[in-house]
Amino acid sequence: MKQVDLIIFDFDGTLVETATDLVQAINFMLRTLRLKERTKDEIISFVGDGINSLIERALGQGNAEYSEKALDIFTSYYSTHLLDNAKLYHQVEDVLINFVSKTKIILTNKRYKYTLPIAQGLDIEKYFVEIIGADTTPYKKPDSRVVDYILNKYGTAKEKTVIIGDGVNDIIVAKNSGILSCAYLNGLGNRQDLLSLKADYYVENLLEVNTLFD
């Protein structure tokens, strides 16, 4: 097993199944604007680069004039429906308990104001020393400076730091910053895209993480 001192977890699609609530919020936004709704698969494919990108992709070409109003509609709706269907992925808590003595951080391109209440509502905030959202620092994944911020703050060596996530940005930010990467293949991210990036480790089930790191 690989010795690590710091474990960085992605949020949506890795720790928490948030797809249903995101899909409902996006389609509520589109209905309100009298635009065509999107399929679940379409909306999930838009996730990973933050709210603004999600909304821009959902609106589609030729609808940029709706961007500001769309953001207002989405944020108003989503902020009150964050926990309607959100749930932990299977055995997430077993993994967090296994690494209870390790420094653990949530690093997500989701805004902090959405991430914190979900983590609190699902009772996992207690396992993490910090939650870093898209708006916590000037940088977000895959910009290596967000990992530099973490390494500098917690004084951890790159070779003893791993990021676990289901998205391409998790693997790319690891490569950009020189830390280890572990791709979770059954989250929201595209499986083939993840495999093509050649992460350091791959897991089908998050519980496998317990056998990889110590």
C-alpha atoms as a PDB file:
ATOM      1  CA  MET A   1       0.000   0.000   0.000  1.00  0.00           C
ATOM      2  CA  LYS A   2       1.112   3.553  -0.716  1.00  0.00           C
ATOM      3  CA  GLN A   3       1.789   5.737   2.318  1.00  0.00           C
ATOM      4  CA  VAL A   4      -0.073   9.069   2.139  1.00  0.00           C
ATOM      5  CA  ASP A   5      -0.450  11.904   4.611  1.00  0.00           C
ATOM      6  CA  LEU A   6      -3.122  13.987   2.901  1.00  0.00           C
ATOM      7  CA  ILE A   7      -6.172  12.849   0.936  1.00  0.00           C
ATOM      8  CA  ILE A   8      -8.087  15.281  -1.261  1.00  0.00           C
ATOM      9  CA  PHE A   9     -11.612  14.241  -2.205  1.00  0.00           C
ATOM     10  CA  ASP A  10     -13.748  15.568  -5.014  1.00  0.00           C
ATOM     11  CA  PHE A  11     -17.399  16.064  -4.003  1.00  0.00           C
ATOM     12  CA  ASP A  12     -20.089  15.667  -6.680  1.00  0.00           C
ATOM     13  CA  GLY A  13     -19.897  12.200  -8.188  1.00  0.00           C
ATOM     14  CA  THR A  14     -17.249  11.006  -5.731  1.00  0.00           C
ATOM     15  CA  LEU A  15     -18.554  11.407  -2.188  1.00  0.00           C
ATOM     16  CA  VAL A  16     -22.109  12.483  -2.901  1.00  0.00           C
ATOM     17  CA  GLU A  17     -24.688  11.572  -5.525  1.00  0.00           C
ATOM     18  CA  THR A  18     -25.986  15.039  -6.428  1.00  0.00           C
ATOM     19  CA  ALA A  19     -27.006  14.430 -10.040  1.00  0.00           C
ATOM     20  CA  THR A  20     -30.773  14.231  -9.475  1.00  0.00           C
ATOM     21  CA  ASP A  21     -30.965  17.594  -7.716  1.00  0.00           C
ATOM     22  CA  LEU A  22     -28.719  19.262 -10.297  1.00  0.00           C
ATOM     23  CA  VAL A  23     -30.811  17.887 -13.154  1.00  0.00           C
ATOM     24  CA  GLN A  24     -34.025  19.074 -11.546  1.00  0.00           C
ATOM     25  CA  ALA A  25     -32.583  22.538 -10.878  1.00  0.00           C
ATOM     26  CA  ILE A  26     -31.321  22.938 -14.452  1.00  0.00           C
ATOM     27  CA  ASN A  27     -34.615  21.813 -15.952  1.00  0.00           C
ATOM     28  CA  PHE A  28     -36.567  24.105 -13.627  1.00  0.00           C
ATOM     29  CA  MET A  29     -34.361  26.944 -14.886  1.00  0.00           C
ATOM     30  CA  LEU A  30     -34.959  25.979 -18.525  1.00  0.00           C
ATOM     31  CA  ARG A  31     -38.729  25.644 -18.035  1.00  0.00           C
ATOM     32  CA  THR A  32     -38.860  29.038 -16.349  1.00  0.00           C
ATOM     33  CA  LEU A  33     -37.069  30.573 -19.330  1.00  0.00           C
ATOM     34  CA  ARG A  34     -39.373  28.649 -21.698  1.00  0.00           C
ATOM     35  CA  LEU A  35     -36.458  26.772 -23.169  1.00  0.00           C
ATOM     36  CA  LYS A  36     -36.301  23.087 -24.027  1.00  0.00           C
ATOM     37  CA  GLU A  37     -35.443  20.816 -21.113  1.00  0.00           C
ATOM     38  CA  ARG A  38     -32.353  18.616 -21.198  1.00  0.00           C
ATOM     39  CA  THR A  39     -31.978  14.901 -20.562  1.00  0.00           C
ATOM     40  CA  LYS A  40     -30.291  13.684 -17.397  1.00  0.00           C
ATOM     41  CA  ASP A  41     -27.314  12.355 -19.382  1.00  0.00           C
ATOM     42  CA  GLU A  42     -26.872  15.687 -21.155  1.00  0.00           C
ATOM     43  CA  ILE A  43     -26.880  17.653 -17.903  1.00  0.00           C
ATOM     44  CA  ILE A  44     -24.495  15.242 -16.181  1.00  0.00           C
ATOM     45  CA  SER A  45     -22.083  15.633 -19.096  1.00  0.00           C
ATOM     46  CA  PHE A  46     -22.052  19.399 -18.402  1.00  0.00           C
ATOM     47  CA  VAL A  47     -20.976  18.982 -14.739  1.00  0.00           C
ATOM     48  CA  GLY A  48     -17.420  19.495 -13.493  1.00  0.00           C
ATOM     49  CA  ASP A  49     -16.308  23.024 -14.332  1.00  0.00           C
ATOM     50  CA  GLY A  50     -18.526  24.993 -11.972  1.00  0.00           C
ATOM     51  CA  ILE A  51     -21.988  26.544 -12.013  1.00  0.00           C
ATOM     52  CA  ASN A  52     -21.371  29.152 -14.711  1.00  0.00           C
ATOM     53  CA  SER A  53     -20.121  26.552 -17.176  1.00  0.00           C
ATOM     54  CA  LEU A  54     -22.965  24.195 -16.281  1.00  0.00           C
ATOM     55  CA  ILE A  55     -25.560  26.879 -16.988  1.00  0.00           C
ATOM     56  CA  GLU A  56     -23.845  28.048 -20.176  1.00  0.00           C
ATOM     57  CA  ARG A  57     -23.768  24.499 -21.532  1.00  0.00           C
ATOM     58  CA  ALA A  58     -27.371  23.840 -20.510  1.00  0.00           C
ATOM     59  CA  LEU A  59     -28.579  27.016 -22.229  1.00  0.00           C
ATOM     60  CA  GLY A  60     -26.816  26.026 -25.423  1.00  0.00           C
ATOM     61  CA  GLN A  61     -25.717  28.093 -28.382  1.00  0.00           C
ATOM     62  CA  GLY A  62     -27.684  31.215 -29.176  1.00  0.00           C
ATOM     63  CA  ASN A  63     -29.069  31.694 -25.671  1.00  0.00           C
ATOM     64  CA  ALA A  64     -26.250  33.662 -24.059  1.00  0.00           C
ATOM     65  CA  GLU A  65     -28.574  36.605 -23.395  1.00  0.00           C
ATOM     66  CA  TYR A  66     -30.324  34.467 -20.767  1.00  0.00           C
ATOM     67  CA  SER A  67     -27.136  33.812 -18.776  1.00  0.00           C
ATOM     68  CA  GLU A  68     -27.648  36.304 -15.962  1.00  0.00           C
ATOM     69  CA  LYS A  69     -31.322  35.516 -15.457  1.00  0.00           C
ATOM     70  CA  ALA A  70     -30.603  31.795 -15.735  1.00  0.00           C
ATOM     71  CA  LEU A  71     -28.009  32.019 -12.967  1.00  0.00           C
ATOM     72  CA  ASP A  72     -30.482  33.816 -10.691  1.00  0.00           C
ATOM     73  CA  ILE A  73     -33.187  31.216 -11.331  1.00  0.00           C
ATOM     74  CA  PHE A  74     -30.834  28.290 -10.846  1.00  0.00           C
ATOM     75  CA  THR A  75     -29.210  29.562  -7.648  1.00  0.00           C
ATOM     76  CA  SER A  76     -32.537  30.501  -6.083  1.00  0.00           C
ATOM     77  CA  TYR A  77     -33.994  27.063  -6.788  1.00  0.00           C
ATOM     78  CA  TYR A  78     -30.925  24.935  -6.084  1.00  0.00           C
ATOM     79  CA  SER A  79     -30.097  26.594  -2.780  1.00  0.00           C
ATOM     80  CA  THR A  80     -33.441  25.406  -1.371  1.00  0.00           C
ATOM     81  CA  HIS A  81     -33.357  21.928  -2.960  1.00  0.00           C
ATOM     82  CA  LEU A  82     -29.741  20.891  -2.238  1.00  0.00           C
ATOM     83  CA  LEU A  83     -30.712  17.915  -0.123  1.00  0.00           C
ATOM     84  CA  ASP A  84     -33.919  16.754  -1.794  1.00  0.00           C
ATOM     85  CA  ASN A  85     -32.238  13.675  -3.249  1.00  0.00           C
ATOM     86  CA  ALA A  86     -28.549  14.008  -2.327  1.00  0.00           C
ATOM     87  CA  LYS A  87     -27.047  10.914  -0.733  1.00  0.00           C
ATOM     88  CA  LEU A  88     -23.629   9.493   0.014  1.00  0.00           C
ATOM     89  CA  TYR A  89     -22.211   7.024  -2.448  1.00  0.00           C
ATOM     90  CA  HIS A  90     -22.123   3.457  -1.152  1.00  0.00           C
ATOM     91  CA  GLN A  91     -19.494   2.910   1.569  1.00  0.00           C
ATOM     92  CA  VAL A  92     -18.199   6.507   1.537  1.00  0.00           C
ATOM     93  CA  GLU A  93     -18.372   6.656   5.312  1.00  0.00           C
ATOM     94  CA  ASP A  94     -16.413   3.386   5.596  1.00  0.00           C
ATOM     95  CA  VAL A  95     -13.605   5.037   3.620  1.00  0.00           C
ATOM     96  CA  LEU A  96     -13.682   8.246   5.664  1.00  0.00           C
ATOM     97  CA  ILE A  97     -13.611   6.306   8.936  1.00  0.00           C
ATOM     98  CA  ASN A  98     -10.734   4.137   7.691  1.00  0.00           C
ATOM     99  CA  PHE A  99      -8.670   7.277   7.076  1.00  0.00           C
ATOM    100  CA  VAL A 100      -9.855   9.096  10.201  1.00  0.00           C
ATOM    101  CA  SER A 101      -6.258   9.824  11.259  1.00  0.00           C
ATOM    102  CA  LYS A 102      -5.303  11.324   7.882  1.00  0.00           C
ATOM    103  CA  THR A 103      -5.690  14.959   6.879  1.00  0.00           C
ATOM    104  CA  LYS A 104      -8.655  15.060   4.500  1.00  0.00           C
ATOM    105  CA  ILE A 105      -9.912  17.920   2.345  1.00  0.00           C
ATOM    106  CA  ILE A 106     -12.832  18.355  -0.014  1.00  0.00           C
ATOM    107  CA  LEU A 107     -11.759  20.119  -3.215  1.00  0.00           C
ATOM    108  CA  THR A 108     -14.621  20.848  -5.574  1.00  0.00           C
ATOM    109  CA  ASN A 109     -15.530  23.155  -8.433  1.00  0.00           C
ATOM    110  CA  LYS A 110     -18.936  23.469  -6.790  1.00  0.00           C
ATOM    111  CA  ARG A 111     -19.453  26.695  -4.869  1.00  0.00           C
ATOM    112  CA  TYR A 112     -18.690  26.532  -1.161  1.00  0.00           C
ATOM    113  CA  LYS A 113     -22.148  27.814  -0.224  1.00  0.00           C
ATOM    114  CA  TYR A 114     -23.686  24.712  -1.817  1.00  0.00           C
ATOM    115  CA  THR A 115     -21.044  22.204  -0.751  1.00  0.00           C
ATOM    116  CA  LEU A 116     -21.035  23.019   2.963  1.00  0.00           C
ATOM    117  CA  PRO A 117     -24.770  22.522   3.642  1.00  0.00           C
ATOM    118  CA  ILE A 118     -24.779  19.226   1.718  1.00  0.00           C
ATOM    119  CA  ALA A 119     -21.752  17.968   3.664  1.00  0.00           C
ATOM    120  CA  GLN A 120     -23.401  19.070   6.909  1.00  0.00           C
ATOM    121  CA  GLY A 121     -26.763  17.601   5.963  1.00  0.00           C
ATOM    122  CA  LEU A 122     -25.190  14.220   5.195  1.00  0.00           C
ATOM    123  CA  ASP A 123     -23.043  14.434   8.353  1.00  0.00           C
ATOM    124  CA  ILE A 124     -19.628  14.141   6.703  1.00  0.00           C
ATOM    125  CA  GLU A 125     -18.270  17.644   7.324  1.00  0.00           C
ATOM    126  CA  LYS A 126     -16.729  16.365  10.582  1.00  0.00           C
ATOM    127  CA  TYR A 127     -14.248  14.191   8.667  1.00  0.00           C
ATOM    128  CA  PHE A 128     -12.557  17.086   6.852  1.00  0.00           C
ATOM    129  CA  VAL A 129     -10.177  19.802   7.986  1.00  0.00           C
ATOM    130  CA  GLU A 130     -11.279  22.060   5.134  1.00  0.00           C
ATOM    131  CA  ILE A 131     -13.793  22.326   2.325  1.00  0.00           C
ATOM    132  CA  ILE A 132     -12.487  24.238  -0.688  1.00  0.00           C
ATOM    133  CA  GLY A 133     -15.095  25.330  -3.205  1.00  0.00           C
ATOM    134  CA  ALA A 134     -14.846  27.039  -6.570  1.00  0.00           C
ATOM    135  CA  ASP A 135     -14.997  30.424  -4.852  1.00  0.00           C
ATOM    136  CA  THR A 136     -12.728  29.684  -1.864  1.00  0.00           C
ATOM    137  CA  THR A 137      -9.501  30.583  -3.666  1.00  0.00           C
ATOM    138  CA  PRO A 138      -8.884  32.480  -6.931  1.00  0.00           C
ATOM    139  CA  TYR A 139      -8.194  29.120  -8.594  1.00  0.00           C
ATOM    140  CA  LYS A 140     -10.145  25.962  -9.315  1.00  0.00           C
ATOM    141  CA  LYS A 141      -9.386  22.542 -10.751  1.00  0.00           C
ATOM    142  CA  PRO A 142      -7.457  21.817 -12.942  1.00  0.00           C
ATOM    143  CA  ASP A 143      -5.294  24.863 -12.046  1.00  0.00           C
ATOM    144  CA  SER A 144      -2.326  23.503 -10.083  1.00  0.00           C
ATOM    145  CA  ARG A 145      -2.279  26.609  -7.890  1.00  0.00           C
ATOM    146  CA  VAL A 146      -5.265  25.362  -5.922  1.00  0.00           C
ATOM    147  CA  VAL A 147      -3.250  22.258  -4.982  1.00  0.00           C
ATOM    148  CA  ASP A 148      -0.194  24.419  -4.250  1.00  0.00           C
ATOM    149  CA  TYR A 149      -2.376  26.348  -1.790  1.00  0.00           C
ATOM    150  CA  ILE A 150      -3.258  23.086  -0.015  1.00  0.00           C
ATOM    151  CA  LEU A 151       0.297  21.735   0.052  1.00  0.00           C
ATOM    152  CA  ASN A 152       1.683  25.000   1.394  1.00  0.00           C
ATOM    153  CA  LYS A 153      -1.015  25.313   4.041  1.00  0.00           C
ATOM    154  CA  TYR A 154      -0.702  21.784   5.375  1.00  0.00           C
ATOM    155  CA  GLY A 155       3.005  21.239   4.730  1.00  0.00           C
ATOM    156  CA  THR A 156       2.513  17.969   2.897  1.00  0.00           C
ATOM    157  CA  ALA A 157       4.867  16.446   0.334  1.00  0.00           C
ATOM    158  CA  LYS A 158       3.487  15.967  -3.185  1.00  0.00           C
ATOM    159  CA  GLU A 159       4.404  12.296  -3.217  1.00  0.00           C
ATOM    160  CA  LYS A 160       2.344  11.750  -0.038  1.00  0.00           C
ATOM    161  CA  THR A 161      -0.746  13.538  -1.308  1.00  0.00           C
ATOM    162  CA  VAL A 162      -3.500  11.926  -3.389  1.00  0.00           C
ATOM    163  CA  ILE A 163      -6.657  13.297  -4.979  1.00  0.00           C
ATOM    164  CA  ILE A 164      -9.607  10.930  -5.402  1.00  0.00           C
ATOM    165  CA  GLY A 165     -12.233  11.969  -7.914  1.00  0.00           C
ATOM    166  CA  ASP A 166     -14.569  10.961 -10.703  1.00  0.00           C
ATOM    167  CA  GLY A 167     -13.801  13.818 -13.084  1.00  0.00           C
ATOM    168  CA  VAL A 168     -11.111  14.580 -15.624  1.00  0.00           C
ATOM    169  CA  ASN A 169     -10.253  17.781 -13.753  1.00  0.00           C
ATOM    170  CA  ASP A 170      -9.250  15.708 -10.720  1.00  0.00           C
ATOM    171  CA  ILE A 171      -6.745  13.701 -12.731  1.00  0.00           C
ATOM    172  CA  ILE A 172      -5.484  16.701 -14.691  1.00  0.00           C
ATOM    173  CA  VAL A 173      -4.944  18.823 -11.570  1.00  0.00           C
ATOM    174  CA  ALA A 174      -2.952  15.944 -10.058  1.00  0.00           C
ATOM    175  CA  LYS A 175      -0.744  15.731 -13.133  1.00  0.00           C
ATOM    176  CA  ASN A 176      -0.363  19.533 -13.244  1.00  0.00           C
ATOM    177  CA  SER A 177       0.699  19.709  -9.607  1.00  0.00           C
ATOM    178  CA  GLY A 178       2.689  16.493  -9.212  1.00  0.00           C
ATOM    179  CA  ILE A 179       0.476  14.738  -6.663  1.00  0.00           C
ATOM    180  CA  LEU A 180      -0.979  11.232  -6.941  1.00  0.00           C
ATOM    181  CA  SER A 181      -4.312  10.635  -8.671  1.00  0.00           C
ATOM    182  CA  CYS A 182      -6.995   8.028  -8.041  1.00  0.00           C
ATOM    183  CA  ALA A 183      -9.933   7.928 -10.452  1.00  0.00           C
ATOM    184  CA  TYR A 184     -13.332   6.676  -9.311  1.00  0.00           C
ATOM    185  CA  LEU A 185     -14.898   5.127 -12.407  1.00  0.00           C
ATOM    186  CA  ASN A 186     -18.529   4.946 -11.314  1.00  0.00           C
ATOM    187  CA  GLY A 187     -19.316   8.566 -10.532  1.00  0.00           C
ATOM    188  CA  LEU A 188     -20.541  11.282 -12.886  1.00  0.00           C
ATOM    189  CA  GLY A 189     -17.395  11.461 -15.003  1.00  0.00           C
ATOM    190  CA  ASN A 190     -16.939   9.808 -18.374  1.00  0.00           C
ATOM    191  CA  ARG A 191     -15.255   6.443 -17.899  1.00  0.00           C
ATOM    192  CA  GLN A 192     -13.325   6.420 -21.172  1.00  0.00           C
ATOM    193  CA  ASP A 193     -12.065   9.957 -20.635  1.00  0.00           C
ATOM    194  CA  LEU A 194     -10.774   8.949 -17.202  1.00  0.00           C
ATOM    195  CA  LEU A 195      -9.079   5.811 -18.511  1.00  0.00           C
ATOM    196  CA  SER A 196      -7.407   7.771 -21.305  1.00  0.00           C
ATOM    197  CA  LEU A 197      -5.766  10.107 -18.778  1.00  0.00           C
ATOM    198  CA  LYS A 198      -3.810   7.240 -17.179  1.00  0.00           C
ATOM    199  CA  ALA A 199      -4.351   8.095 -13.519  1.00  0.00           C
ATOM    200  CA  ASP A 200      -1.998   6.539 -10.977  1.00  0.00           C
ATOM    201  CA  TYR A 201      -4.813   4.420  -9.534  1.00  0.00           C
ATOM    202  CA  TYR A 202      -8.329   3.383 -10.564  1.00  0.00           C
ATOM    203  CA  VAL A 203     -11.205   2.107  -8.444  1.00  0.00           C
ATOM    204  CA  GLU A 204     -14.610   0.767  -9.420  1.00  0.00           C
ATOM    205  CA  ASN A 205     -15.829   0.959  -5.824  1.00  0.00           C
ATOM    206  CA  LEU A 206     -14.693   3.589  -3.342  1.00  0.00           C
ATOM    207  CA  LEU A 207     -14.057   0.912  -0.716  1.00  0.00           C
ATOM    208  CA  GLU A 208     -11.094  -0.227  -2.844  1.00  0.00           C
ATOM    209  CA  VAL A 209      -9.340   2.984  -1.757  1.00  0.00           C
ATOM    210  CA  ASN A 210      -8.842   1.363   1.664  1.00  0.00           C
ATOM    211  CA  THR A 211      -6.614  -1.276   0.058  1.00  0.00           C
ATOM    212  CA  LEU A 212      -4.500   1.188  -1.901  1.00  0.00           C
ATOM    213  CA  PHE A 213      -3.405   3.746   0.666  1.00  0.00           C
ATOM    214  CA  ASP A 214      -2.126   3.714   4.208  1.00  0.00           C
END
